């Protein structure tokens, strides 16, 4: 007889509690989208890219652009893989369309 069906000395049936473990939801990996400095892309174009593709206001876009200019690289934002990949592609396509060598990359945070 299984334990579930046996009766204890006092006549009660044994009880088995079954617990289900729920899988933990893992947060997605996040990726930084970066713009790299070059000697050819106009500063105004970089500001425009930051406003258009990263929804930065003019002040924030200018600050990021100057950071890129002085430090060689600047962060545009942090996104999930798919969003970061899309933004990088959009920026690169837009830069090529306007004949600028601007580089935009993503790196795991």
PDB file of N, CA and C in Angstrom:
ATOM      1  N   UNK A   1       0.828  -1.181   0.000  1.00  0.00           N
ATOM      2  CA  UNK A   1       0.000   0.000   0.000  1.00  0.00           C
ATOM      3  C   UNK A   1       0.877   1.250   0.000  1.00  0.00           C
ATOM      4  N   UNK A   2       0.482   2.268  -0.754  1.00  0.00           N
ATOM      5  CA  UNK A   2       1.269   3.490  -0.748  1.00  0.00           C
ATOM      6  C   UNK A   2       0.989   4.270   0.515  1.00  0.00           C
ATOM      7  N   UNK A   3       1.895   5.162   0.837  1.00  0.00           N
ATOM      8  CA  UNK A   3       1.777   5.954   2.065  1.00  0.00           C
ATOM      9  C   UNK A   3       0.470   6.737   2.086  1.00  0.00           C
ATOM     10  N   UNK A   4       0.006   7.177   0.907  1.00  0.00           N
ATOM     11  CA  UNK A   4      -1.196   8.003   0.839  1.00  0.00           C
ATOM     12  C   UNK A   4      -2.439   7.260   1.325  1.00  0.00           C
ATOM     13  N   UNK A   5      -2.438   5.985   1.139  1.00  0.00           N
ATOM     14  CA  UNK A   5      -3.649   5.233   1.466  1.00  0.00           C
ATOM     15  C   UNK A   5      -3.600   4.580   2.850  1.00  0.00           C
ATOM     16  N   UNK A   6      -2.472   4.569   3.511  1.00  0.00           N
ATOM     17  CA  UNK A   6      -2.368   3.953   4.827  1.00  0.00           C
ATOM     18  C   UNK A   6      -3.042   4.820   5.862  1.00  0.00           C
ATOM     19  N   UNK A   7      -3.504   4.206   6.889  1.00  0.00           N
ATOM     20  CA  UNK A   7      -4.107   4.950   7.987  1.00  0.00           C
ATOM     21  C   UNK A   7      -3.143   4.937   9.165  1.00  0.00           C
ATOM     22  N   UNK A   8      -3.029   6.118   9.804  1.00  0.00           N
ATOM     23  CA  UNK A   8      -2.219   6.193  11.018  1.00  0.00           C
ATOM     24  C   UNK A   8      -2.951   5.460  12.125  1.00  0.00           C
ATOM     25  N   UNK A   9      -2.291   5.288  13.273  1.00  0.00           N
ATOM     26  CA  UNK A   9      -2.886   4.592  14.409  1.00  0.00           C
ATOM     27  C   UNK A   9      -4.167   5.263  14.884  1.00  0.00           C
ATOM     28  N   UNK A  10      -4.280   6.579  14.666  1.00  0.00           N
ATOM     29  CA  UNK A  10      -5.494   7.249  15.132  1.00  0.00           C
ATOM     30  C   UNK A  10      -6.593   7.240  14.073  1.00  0.00           C
ATOM     31  N   UNK A  11      -6.358   6.587  12.931  1.00  0.00           N
ATOM     32  CA  UNK A  11      -7.394   6.439  11.927  1.00  0.00           C
ATOM     33  C   UNK A  11      -7.367   7.494  10.829  1.00  0.00           C
ATOM     34  N   UNK A  12      -6.515   8.537  10.921  1.00  0.00           N
ATOM     35  CA  UNK A  12      -6.461   9.569   9.887  1.00  0.00           C
ATOM     36  C   UNK A  12      -5.665   9.060   8.685  1.00  0.00           C
ATOM     37  N   UNK A  13      -6.008   9.552   7.536  1.00  0.00           N
ATOM     38  CA  UNK A  13      -5.277   9.215   6.324  1.00  0.00           C
ATOM     39  C   UNK A  13      -4.064  10.132   6.226  1.00  0.00           C
ATOM     40  N   UNK A  14      -2.904   9.600   5.807  1.00  0.00           N
ATOM     41  CA  UNK A  14      -1.707  10.430   5.646  1.00  0.00           C
ATOM     42  C   UNK A  14      -1.907  11.433   4.503  1.00  0.00           C
ATOM     43  N   UNK A  15      -1.372  12.610   4.658  1.00  0.00           N
ATOM     44  CA  UNK A  15      -1.535  13.653   3.646  1.00  0.00           C
ATOM     45  C   UNK A  15      -0.181  13.954   3.022  1.00  0.00           C
ATOM     46  N   UNK A  16      -0.174  14.088   1.710  1.00  0.00           N
ATOM     47  CA  UNK A  16       1.041  14.433   0.992  1.00  0.00           C
ATOM     48  C   UNK A  16       0.830  15.807   0.359  1.00  0.00           C
ATOM     49  N   UNK A  17       1.772  16.693   0.591  1.00  0.00           N
ATOM     50  CA  UNK A  17       1.687  18.021  -0.012  1.00  0.00           C
ATOM     51  C   UNK A  17       2.635  18.047  -1.217  1.00  0.00           C
ATOM     52  N   UNK A  18       2.084  18.416  -2.352  1.00  0.00           N
ATOM     53  CA  UNK A  18       2.889  18.509  -3.565  1.00  0.00           C
ATOM     54  C   UNK A  18       3.103  19.992  -3.863  1.00  0.00           C
ATOM     55  N   UNK A  19       4.363  20.388  -3.976  1.00  0.00           N
ATOM     56  CA  UNK A  19       4.651  21.785  -4.307  1.00  0.00           C
ATOM     57  C   UNK A  19       5.228  21.843  -5.709  1.00  0.00           C
ATOM     58  N   UNK A  20       4.768  22.810  -6.441  1.00  0.00           N
ATOM     59  CA  UNK A  20       5.293  23.023  -7.790  1.00  0.00           C
ATOM     60  C   UNK A  20       6.318  24.137  -7.719  1.00  0.00           C
ATOM     61  N   UNK A  21       7.464  23.903  -8.307  1.00  0.00           N
ATOM     62  CA  UNK A  21       8.455  24.980  -8.356  1.00  0.00           C
ATOM     63  C   UNK A  21       8.260  25.711  -9.667  1.00  0.00           C
ATOM     64  N   UNK A  22       8.098  27.008  -9.550  1.00  0.00           N
ATOM     65  CA  UNK A  22       7.927  27.827 -10.746  1.00  0.00           C
ATOM     66  C   UNK A  22       9.296  28.276 -11.215  1.00  0.00           C
ATOM     67  N   UNK A  23       9.533  28.181 -12.518  1.00  0.00           N
ATOM     68  CA  UNK A  23      10.840  28.625 -13.020  1.00  0.00           C
ATOM     69  C   UNK A  23      10.993  30.131 -12.794  1.00  0.00           C
ATOM     70  N   UNK A  24      12.195  30.528 -12.368  1.00  0.00           N
ATOM     71  CA  UNK A  24      12.455  31.951 -12.150  1.00  0.00           C
ATOM     72  C   UNK A  24      12.548  32.652 -13.488  1.00  0.00           C
ATOM     73  N   UNK A  25      11.881  33.775 -13.587  1.00  0.00           N
ATOM     74  CA  UNK A  25      11.962  34.571 -14.803  1.00  0.00           C
ATOM     75  C   UNK A  25      13.267  35.341 -14.761  1.00  0.00           C
ATOM     76  N   UNK A  26      14.087  35.115 -15.757  1.00  0.00           N
ATOM     77  CA  UNK A  26      15.400  35.758 -15.810  1.00  0.00           C
ATOM     78  C   UNK A  26      15.290  37.062 -16.590  1.00  0.00           C
ATOM     79  N   UNK A  27      15.877  38.109 -16.057  1.00  0.00           N
ATOM     80  CA  UNK A  27      15.878  39.390 -16.766  1.00  0.00           C
ATOM     81  C   UNK A  27      16.738  39.246 -18.020  1.00  0.00           C
ATOM     82  N   UNK A  28      16.305  39.904 -19.115  1.00  0.00           N
ATOM     83  CA  UNK A  28      17.118  39.805 -20.344  1.00  0.00           C
ATOM     84  C   UNK A  28      18.435  40.543 -20.186  1.00  0.00           C
ATOM     85  N   UNK A  29      19.439  40.068 -20.910  1.00  0.00           N
ATOM     86  CA  UNK A  29      20.723  40.776 -20.914  1.00  0.00           C
ATOM     87  C   UNK A  29      20.514  42.148 -21.541  1.00  0.00           C
ATOM     88  N   UNK A  30      21.249  43.115 -21.030  1.00  0.00           N
ATOM     89  CA  UNK A  30      21.140  44.468 -21.546  1.00  0.00           C
ATOM     90  C   UNK A  30      22.419  44.820 -22.309  1.00  0.00           C
ATOM     91  N   UNK A  31      22.252  45.685 -23.305  1.00  0.00           N
ATOM     92  CA  UNK A  31      23.363  46.070 -24.174  1.00  0.00           C
ATOM     93  C   UNK A  31      23.458  47.588 -24.276  1.00  0.00           C
ATOM     94  N   UNK A  32      24.679  48.084 -24.165  1.00  0.00           N
ATOM     95  CA  UNK A  32      24.943  49.517 -24.330  1.00  0.00           C
ATOM     96  C   UNK A  32      25.114  49.792 -25.813  1.00  0.00           C
ATOM     97  N   UNK A  33      24.470  50.846 -26.295  1.00  0.00           N
ATOM     98  CA  UNK A  33      24.672  51.282 -27.679  1.00  0.00           C
ATOM     99  C   UNK A  33      25.625  52.473 -27.621  1.00  0.00           C
ATOM    100  N   UNK A  34      26.717  52.370 -28.378  1.00  0.00           N
ATOM    101  CA  UNK A  34      27.786  53.366 -28.334  1.00  0.00           C
ATOM    102  C   UNK A  34      28.013  53.987 -29.705  1.00  0.00           C
ATOM    103  N   UNK A  35      28.334  55.270 -29.689  1.00  0.00           N
ATOM    104  CA  UNK A  35      28.760  55.957 -30.909  1.00  0.00           C
ATOM    105  C   UNK A  35      30.257  56.196 -30.776  1.00  0.00           C
ATOM    106  N   UNK A  36      30.977  55.942 -31.868  1.00  0.00           N
ATOM    107  CA  UNK A  36      32.429  56.108 -31.873  1.00  0.00           C
ATOM    108  C   UNK A  36      32.801  57.386 -32.627  1.00  0.00           C
ATOM    109  N   UNK A  37      33.820  58.043 -32.138  1.00  0.00           N
ATOM    110  CA  UNK A  37      34.283  59.282 -32.761  1.00  0.00           C
ATOM    111  C   UNK A  37      35.018  58.996 -34.069  1.00  0.00           C
ATOM    112  N   UNK A  38      34.874  59.906 -35.000  1.00  0.00           N
ATOM    113  CA  UNK A  38      35.691  59.882 -36.211  1.00  0.00           C
ATOM    114  C   UNK A  38      35.992  61.335 -36.573  1.00  0.00           C
ATOM    115  N   UNK A  39      36.895  61.527 -37.512  1.00  0.00           N
ATOM    116  CA  UNK A  39      37.323  62.886 -37.862  1.00  0.00           C
ATOM    117  C   UNK A  39      36.503  63.501 -38.994  1.00  0.00           C
ATOM    118  N   UNK A  40      35.445  62.835 -39.429  1.00  0.00           N
ATOM    119  CA  UNK A  40      34.732  63.296 -40.618  1.00  0.00           C
ATOM    120  C   UNK A  40      33.258  63.610 -40.396  1.00  0.00           C
ATOM    121  N   UNK A  41      32.586  62.874 -39.540  1.00  0.00           N
ATOM    122  CA  UNK A  41      31.149  63.092 -39.330  1.00  0.00           C
ATOM    123  C   UNK A  41      30.927  64.419 -38.608  1.00  0.00           C
ATOM    124  N   UNK A  42      30.109  65.300 -39.164  1.00  0.00           N
ATOM    125  CA  UNK A  42      29.856  66.593 -38.505  1.00  0.00           C
ATOM    126  C   UNK A  42      29.160  66.423 -37.151  1.00  0.00           C
ATOM    127  N   UNK A  43      29.514  67.289 -36.228  1.00  0.00           N
ATOM    128  CA  UNK A  43      28.927  67.251 -34.887  1.00  0.00           C
ATOM    129  C   UNK A  43      27.407  67.385 -34.950  1.00  0.00           C
ATOM    130  N   UNK A  44      26.936  68.230 -35.852  1.00  0.00           N
ATOM    131  CA  UNK A  44      25.486  68.455 -35.975  1.00  0.00           C
ATOM    132  C   UNK A  44      24.764  67.178 -36.396  1.00  0.00           C
ATOM    133  N   UNK A  45      25.434  66.378 -37.228  1.00  0.00           N
ATOM    134  CA  UNK A  45      24.836  65.120 -37.675  1.00  0.00           C
ATOM    135  C   UNK A  45      24.705  64.148 -36.499  1.00  0.00           C
ATOM    136  N   UNK A  46      25.721  64.097 -35.659  1.00  0.00           N
ATOM    137  CA  UNK A  46      25.689  63.206 -34.481  1.00  0.00           C
ATOM    138  C   UNK A  46      24.563  63.643 -33.541  1.00  0.00           C
ATOM    139  N   UNK A  47      24.420  64.940 -33.325  1.00  0.00           N
ATOM    140  CA  UNK A  47      23.330  65.451 -32.481  1.00  0.00           C
ATOM    141  C   UNK A  47      21.986  65.040 -33.081  1.00  0.00           C
ATOM    142  N   UNK A  48      21.849  65.181 -34.385  1.00  0.00           N
ATOM    143  CA  UNK A  48      20.604  64.797 -35.063  1.00  0.00           C
ATOM    144  C   UNK A  48      20.307  63.302 -34.874  1.00  0.00           C
ATOM    145  N   UNK A  49      21.327  62.463 -35.007  1.00  0.00           N
ATOM    146  CA  UNK A  49      21.165  61.011 -34.817  1.00  0.00           C
ATOM    147  C   UNK A  49      20.682  60.716 -33.391  1.00  0.00           C
ATOM    148  N   UNK A  50      21.279  61.364 -32.419  1.00  0.00           N
ATOM    149  CA  UNK A  50      20.901  61.136 -31.011  1.00  0.00           C
ATOM    150  C   UNK A  50      19.459  61.576 -30.738  1.00  0.00           C
ATOM    151  N   UNK A  51      19.059  62.665 -31.360  1.00  0.00           N
ATOM    152  CA  UNK A  51      17.676  63.137 -31.190  1.00  0.00           C
ATOM    153  C   UNK A  51      16.697  62.204 -31.898  1.00  0.00           C
ATOM    154  N   UNK A  52      17.036  61.816 -33.104  1.00  0.00           N
ATOM    155  CA  UNK A  52      16.117  61.031 -33.939  1.00  0.00           C
ATOM    156  C   UNK A  52      15.970  59.575 -33.482  1.00  0.00           C
ATOM    157  N   UNK A  53      17.088  58.917 -33.201  1.00  0.00           N
ATOM    158  CA  UNK A  53      17.031  57.481 -32.914  1.00  0.00           C
ATOM    159  C   UNK A  53      17.040  57.136 -31.426  1.00  0.00           C
ATOM    160  N   UNK A  54      17.439  58.088 -30.585  1.00  0.00           N
ATOM    161  CA  UNK A  54      17.526  57.803 -29.152  1.00  0.00           C
ATOM    162  C   UNK A  54      16.655  58.744 -28.314  1.00  0.00           C
ATOM    163  N   UNK A  55      15.841  59.538 -28.987  1.00  0.00           N
ATOM    164  CA  UNK A  55      14.894  60.448 -28.345  1.00  0.00           C
ATOM    165  C   UNK A  55      15.551  61.352 -27.299  1.00  0.00           C
ATOM    166  N   UNK A  56      16.743  61.818 -27.599  1.00  0.00           N
ATOM    167  CA  UNK A  56      17.445  62.753 -26.703  1.00  0.00           C
ATOM    168  C   UNK A  56      17.001  64.174 -27.045  1.00  0.00           C
ATOM    169  N   UNK A  57      16.889  65.013 -26.018  1.00  0.00           N
ATOM    170  CA  UNK A  57      16.616  66.419 -26.316  1.00  0.00           C
ATOM    171  C   UNK A  57      17.925  67.046 -26.784  1.00  0.00           C
ATOM    172  N   UNK A  58      17.855  68.274 -27.284  1.00  0.00           N
ATOM    173  CA  UNK A  58      19.042  68.894 -27.881  1.00  0.00           C
ATOM    174  C   UNK A  58      20.180  69.027 -26.870  1.00  0.00           C
ATOM    175  N   UNK A  59      19.858  69.358 -25.642  1.00  0.00           N
ATOM    176  CA  UNK A  59      20.896  69.530 -24.614  1.00  0.00           C
ATOM    177  C   UNK A  59      21.615  68.206 -24.328  1.00  0.00           C
ATOM    178  N   UNK A  60      20.847  67.128 -24.128  1.00  0.00           N
ATOM    179  CA  UNK A  60      21.456  65.820 -23.858  1.00  0.00           C
ATOM    180  C   UNK A  60      22.227  65.305 -25.072  1.00  0.00           C
ATOM    181  N   UNK A  61      21.652  65.507 -26.258  1.00  0.00           N
ATOM    182  CA  UNK A  61      22.321  65.059 -27.484  1.00  0.00           C
ATOM    183  C   UNK A  61      23.653  65.784 -27.672  1.00  0.00           C
ATOM    184  N   UNK A  62      23.668  67.073 -27.381  1.00  0.00           N
ATOM    185  CA  UNK A  62      24.904  67.853 -27.515  1.00  0.00           C
ATOM    186  C   UNK A  62      25.938  67.398 -26.491  1.00  0.00           C
ATOM    187  N   UNK A  63      25.488  67.125 -25.280  1.00  0.00           N
ATOM    188  CA  UNK A  63      26.392  66.658 -24.221  1.00  0.00           C
ATOM    189  C   UNK A  63      27.024  65.311 -24.601  1.00  0.00           C
ATOM    190  N   UNK A  64      26.212  64.393 -25.101  1.00  0.00           N
ATOM    191  CA  UNK A  64      26.727  63.080 -25.516  1.00  0.00           C
ATOM    192  C   UNK A  64      27.686  63.232 -26.694  1.00  0.00           C
ATOM    193  N   UNK A  65      27.318  64.061 -27.663  1.00  0.00           N
ATOM    194  CA  UNK A  65      28.172  64.283 -28.833  1.00  0.00           C
ATOM    195  C   UNK A  65      29.530  64.834 -28.407  1.00  0.00           C
ATOM    196  N   UNK A  66      29.537  65.787 -27.479  1.00  0.00           N
ATOM    197  CA  UNK A  66      30.812  66.348 -27.014  1.00  0.00           C
ATOM    198  C   UNK A  66      31.630  65.304 -26.259  1.00  0.00           C
ATOM    199  N   UNK A  67      30.958  64.438 -25.520  1.00  0.00           N
ATOM    200  CA  UNK A  67      31.645  63.361 -24.824  1.00  0.00           C
ATOM    201  C   UNK A  67      32.313  62.432 -25.851  1.00  0.00           C
ATOM    202  N   UNK A  68      31.594  62.095 -26.913  1.00  0.00           N
ATOM    203  CA  UNK A  68      32.152  61.271 -27.992  1.00  0.00           C
ATOM    204  C   UNK A  68      33.355  61.979 -28.610  1.00  0.00           C
ATOM    205  N   UNK A  69      33.205  63.268 -28.861  1.00  0.00           N
ATOM    206  CA  UNK A  69      34.270  64.060 -29.492  1.00  0.00           C
ATOM    207  C   UNK A  69      35.547  64.080 -28.644  1.00  0.00           C
ATOM    208  N   UNK A  70      35.387  64.242 -27.331  1.00  0.00           N
ATOM    209  CA  UNK A  70      36.544  64.371 -26.440  1.00  0.00           C
ATOM    210  C   UNK A  70      37.099  63.038 -25.935  1.00  0.00           C
ATOM    211  N   UNK A  71      36.252  62.014 -25.836  1.00  0.00           N
ATOM    212  CA  UNK A  71      36.692  60.735 -25.261  1.00  0.00           C
ATOM    213  C   UNK A  71      36.726  59.582 -26.255  1.00  0.00           C
ATOM    214  N   UNK A  72      36.261  59.832 -27.483  1.00  0.00           N
ATOM    215  CA  UNK A  72      36.338  58.794 -28.505  1.00  0.00           C
ATOM    216  C   UNK A  72      35.142  57.879 -28.584  1.00  0.00           C
ATOM    217  N   UNK A  73      34.315  57.873 -27.545  1.00  0.00           N
ATOM    218  CA  UNK A  73      33.143  56.994 -27.514  1.00  0.00           C
ATOM    219  C   UNK A  73      32.127  57.577 -26.534  1.00  0.00           C
ATOM    220  N   UNK A  74      30.843  57.329 -26.814  1.00  0.00           N
ATOM    221  CA  UNK A  74      29.799  57.798 -25.917  1.00  0.00           C
ATOM    222  C   UNK A  74      28.598  56.875 -25.950  1.00  0.00           C
ATOM    223  N   UNK A  75      27.941  56.760 -24.814  1.00  0.00           N
ATOM    224  CA  UNK A  75      26.790  55.862 -24.691  1.00  0.00           C
ATOM    225  C   UNK A  75      25.508  56.586 -25.073  1.00  0.00           C
ATOM    226  N   UNK A  76      24.748  55.960 -25.961  1.00  0.00           N
ATOM    227  CA  UNK A  76      23.468  56.517 -26.410  1.00  0.00           C
ATOM    228  C   UNK A  76      22.310  56.001 -25.568  1.00  0.00           C
ATOM    229  N   UNK A  77      22.466  54.805 -25.013  1.00  0.00           N
ATOM    230  CA  UNK A  77      21.406  54.204 -24.211  1.00  0.00           C
ATOM    231  C   UNK A  77      21.705  52.740 -23.953  1.00  0.00           C
ATOM    232  N   UNK A  78      20.856  52.132 -23.109  1.00  0.00           N
ATOM    233  CA  UNK A  78      20.990  50.717 -22.757  1.00  0.00           C
ATOM    234  C   UNK A  78      19.656  50.041 -23.075  1.00  0.00           C
ATOM    235  N   UNK A  79      19.729  48.943 -23.823  1.00  0.00           N
ATOM    236  CA  UNK A  79      18.522  48.308 -24.335  1.00  0.00           C
ATOM    237  C   UNK A  79      18.666  46.785 -24.314  1.00  0.00           C
ATOM    238  N   UNK A  80      17.551  46.092 -24.536  1.00  0.00           N
ATOM    239  CA  UNK A  80      17.609  44.644 -24.738  1.00  0.00           C
ATOM    240  C   UNK A  80      18.332  44.385 -26.058  1.00  0.00           C
ATOM    241  N   UNK A  81      18.737  43.153 -26.275  1.00  0.00           N
ATOM    242  CA  UNK A  81      19.527  42.814 -27.459  1.00  0.00           C
ATOM    243  C   UNK A  81      18.846  43.257 -28.754  1.00  0.00           C
ATOM    244  N   UNK A  82      17.571  42.890 -28.905  1.00  0.00           N
ATOM    245  CA  UNK A  82      16.865  43.170 -30.154  1.00  0.00           C
ATOM    246  C   UNK A  82      16.749  44.669 -30.409  1.00  0.00           C
ATOM    247  N   UNK A  83      16.431  45.437 -29.375  1.00  0.00           N
ATOM    248  CA  UNK A  83      16.283  46.881 -29.523  1.00  0.00           C
ATOM    249  C   UNK A  83      17.643  47.510 -29.844  1.00  0.00           C
ATOM    250  N   UNK A  84      18.683  47.092 -29.120  1.00  0.00           N
ATOM    251  CA  UNK A  84      20.028  47.626 -29.364  1.00  0.00           C
ATOM    252  C   UNK A  84      20.469  47.326 -30.787  1.00  0.00           C
ATOM    253  N   UNK A  85      20.256  46.111 -31.235  1.00  0.00           N
ATOM    254  CA  UNK A  85      20.648  45.708 -32.584  1.00  0.00           C
ATOM    255  C   UNK A  85      19.922  46.548 -33.641  1.00  0.00           C
ATOM    256  N   UNK A  86      18.647  46.782 -33.420  1.00  0.00           N
ATOM    257  CA  UNK A  86      17.854  47.592 -34.345  1.00  0.00           C
ATOM    258  C   UNK A  86      18.374  49.023 -34.400  1.00  0.00           C
ATOM    259  N   UNK A  87      18.668  49.593 -33.235  1.00  0.00           N
ATOM    260  CA  UNK A  87      19.155  50.975 -33.191  1.00  0.00           C
ATOM    261  C   UNK A  87      20.508  51.106 -33.893  1.00  0.00           C
ATOM    262  N   UNK A  88      21.396  50.158 -33.667  1.00  0.00           N
ATOM    263  CA  UNK A  88      22.706  50.176 -34.326  1.00  0.00           C
ATOM    264  C   UNK A  88      22.518  50.139 -35.844  1.00  0.00           C
ATOM    265  N   UNK A  89      21.656  49.248 -36.313  1.00  0.00           N
ATOM    266  CA  UNK A  89      21.404  49.124 -37.751  1.00  0.00           C
ATOM    267  C   UNK A  89      20.814  50.415 -38.317  1.00  0.00           C
ATOM    268  N   UNK A  90      19.846  50.994 -37.607  1.00  0.00           N
ATOM    269  CA  UNK A  90      19.221  52.234 -38.073  1.00  0.00           C
ATOM    270  C   UNK A  90      20.251  53.356 -38.191  1.00  0.00           C
ATOM    271  N   UNK A  91      21.090  53.505 -37.171  1.00  0.00           N
ATOM    272  CA  UNK A  91      22.092  54.573 -37.176  1.00  0.00           C
ATOM    273  C   UNK A  91      23.096  54.350 -38.302  1.00  0.00           C
ATOM    274  N   UNK A  92      23.573  53.125 -38.446  1.00  0.00           N
ATOM    275  CA  UNK A  92      24.569  52.835 -39.484  1.00  0.00           C
ATOM    276  C   UNK A  92      23.983  53.063 -40.877  1.00  0.00           C
ATOM    277  N   UNK A  93      22.757  52.621 -41.100  1.00  0.00           N
ATOM    278  CA  UNK A  93      22.109  52.825 -42.404  1.00  0.00           C
ATOM    279  C   UNK A  93      21.915  54.316 -42.687  1.00  0.00           C
ATOM    280  N   UNK A  94      21.482  55.059 -41.676  1.00  0.00           N
ATOM    281  CA  UNK A  94      21.248  56.494 -41.820  1.00  0.00           C
ATOM    282  C   UNK A  94      22.558  57.224 -42.125  1.00  0.00           C
ATOM    283  N   UNK A  95      23.619  56.847 -41.429  1.00  0.00           N
ATOM    284  CA  UNK A  95      24.930  57.474 -41.659  1.00  0.00           C
ATOM    285  C   UNK A  95      25.425  57.188 -43.079  1.00  0.00           C
ATOM    286  N   UNK A  96      25.298  55.941 -43.525  1.00  0.00           N
ATOM    287  CA  UNK A  96      25.739  55.585 -44.880  1.00  0.00           C
ATOM    288  C   UNK A  96      24.938  56.347 -45.922  1.00  0.00           C
ATOM    289  N   UNK A  97      23.616  56.433 -45.688  1.00  0.00           N
ATOM    290  CA  UNK A  97      22.734  57.130 -46.621  1.00  0.00           C
ATOM    291  C   UNK A  97      23.178  58.593 -46.799  1.00  0.00           C
ATOM    292  N   UNK A  98      23.702  59.166 -45.704  1.00  0.00           N
ATOM    293  CA  UNK A  98      24.161  60.554 -45.753  1.00  0.00           C
ATOM    294  C   UNK A  98      25.676  60.657 -45.959  1.00  0.00           C
ATOM    295  N   UNK A  99      26.280  59.545 -46.334  1.00  0.00           N
ATOM    296  CA  UNK A  99      27.707  59.467 -46.678  1.00  0.00           C
ATOM    297  C   UNK A  99      28.631  59.910 -45.545  1.00  0.00           C
ATOM    298  N   UNK A 100      28.299  59.462 -44.332  1.00  0.00           N
ATOM    299  CA  UNK A 100      29.156  59.720 -43.169  1.00  0.00           C
ATOM    300  C   UNK A 100      29.705  58.396 -42.662  1.00  0.00           C
ATOM    301  N   UNK A 101      30.953  58.382 -42.198  1.00  0.00           N
ATOM    302  CA  UNK A 101      31.563  57.135 -41.708  1.00  0.00           C
ATOM    303  C   UNK A 101      31.242  56.840 -40.234  1.00  0.00           C
ATOM    304  N   UNK A 102      30.223  57.455 -39.690  1.00  0.00           N
ATOM    305  CA  UNK A 102      29.867  57.283 -38.277  1.00  0.00           C
ATOM    306  C   UNK A 102      29.720  55.802 -37.937  1.00  0.00           C
ATOM    307  N   UNK A 103      30.315  55.398 -36.813  1.00  0.00           N
ATOM    308  CA  UNK A 103      30.230  54.018 -36.351  1.00  0.00           C
ATOM    309  C   UNK A 103      29.370  53.953 -35.092  1.00  0.00           C
ATOM    310  N   UNK A 104      28.466  52.977 -35.057  1.00  0.00           N
ATOM    311  CA  UNK A 104      27.613  52.744 -33.909  1.00  0.00           C
ATOM    312  C   UNK A 104      27.713  51.267 -33.593  1.00  0.00           C
ATOM    313  N   UNK A 105      27.984  50.935 -32.334  1.00  0.00           N
ATOM    314  CA  UNK A 105      28.178  49.541 -31.939  1.00  0.00           C
ATOM    315  C   UNK A 105      27.391  49.255 -30.665  1.00  0.00           C
ATOM    316  N   UNK A 106      27.285  47.975 -30.342  1.00  0.00           N
ATOM    317  CA  UNK A 106      26.637  47.585 -29.083  1.00  0.00           C
ATOM    318  C   UNK A 106      27.568  46.673 -28.321  1.00  0.00           C
ATOM    319  N   UNK A 107      27.486  46.739 -26.990  1.00  0.00           N
ATOM    320  CA  UNK A 107      28.287  45.841 -26.153  1.00  0.00           C
ATOM    321  C   UNK A 107      27.444  45.416 -24.968  1.00  0.00           C
ATOM    322  N   UNK A 108      27.661  44.184 -24.544  1.00  0.00           N
ATOM    323  CA  UNK A 108      26.921  43.646 -23.406  1.00  0.00           C
ATOM    324  C   UNK A 108      27.274  44.443 -22.154  1.00  0.00           C
ATOM    325  N   UNK A 109      26.257  44.772 -21.413  1.00  0.00           N
ATOM    326  CA  UNK A 109      26.476  45.570 -20.201  1.00  0.00           C
ATOM    327  C   UNK A 109      26.975  44.700 -19.080  1.00  0.00           C
TER     328      UNK A 109
END
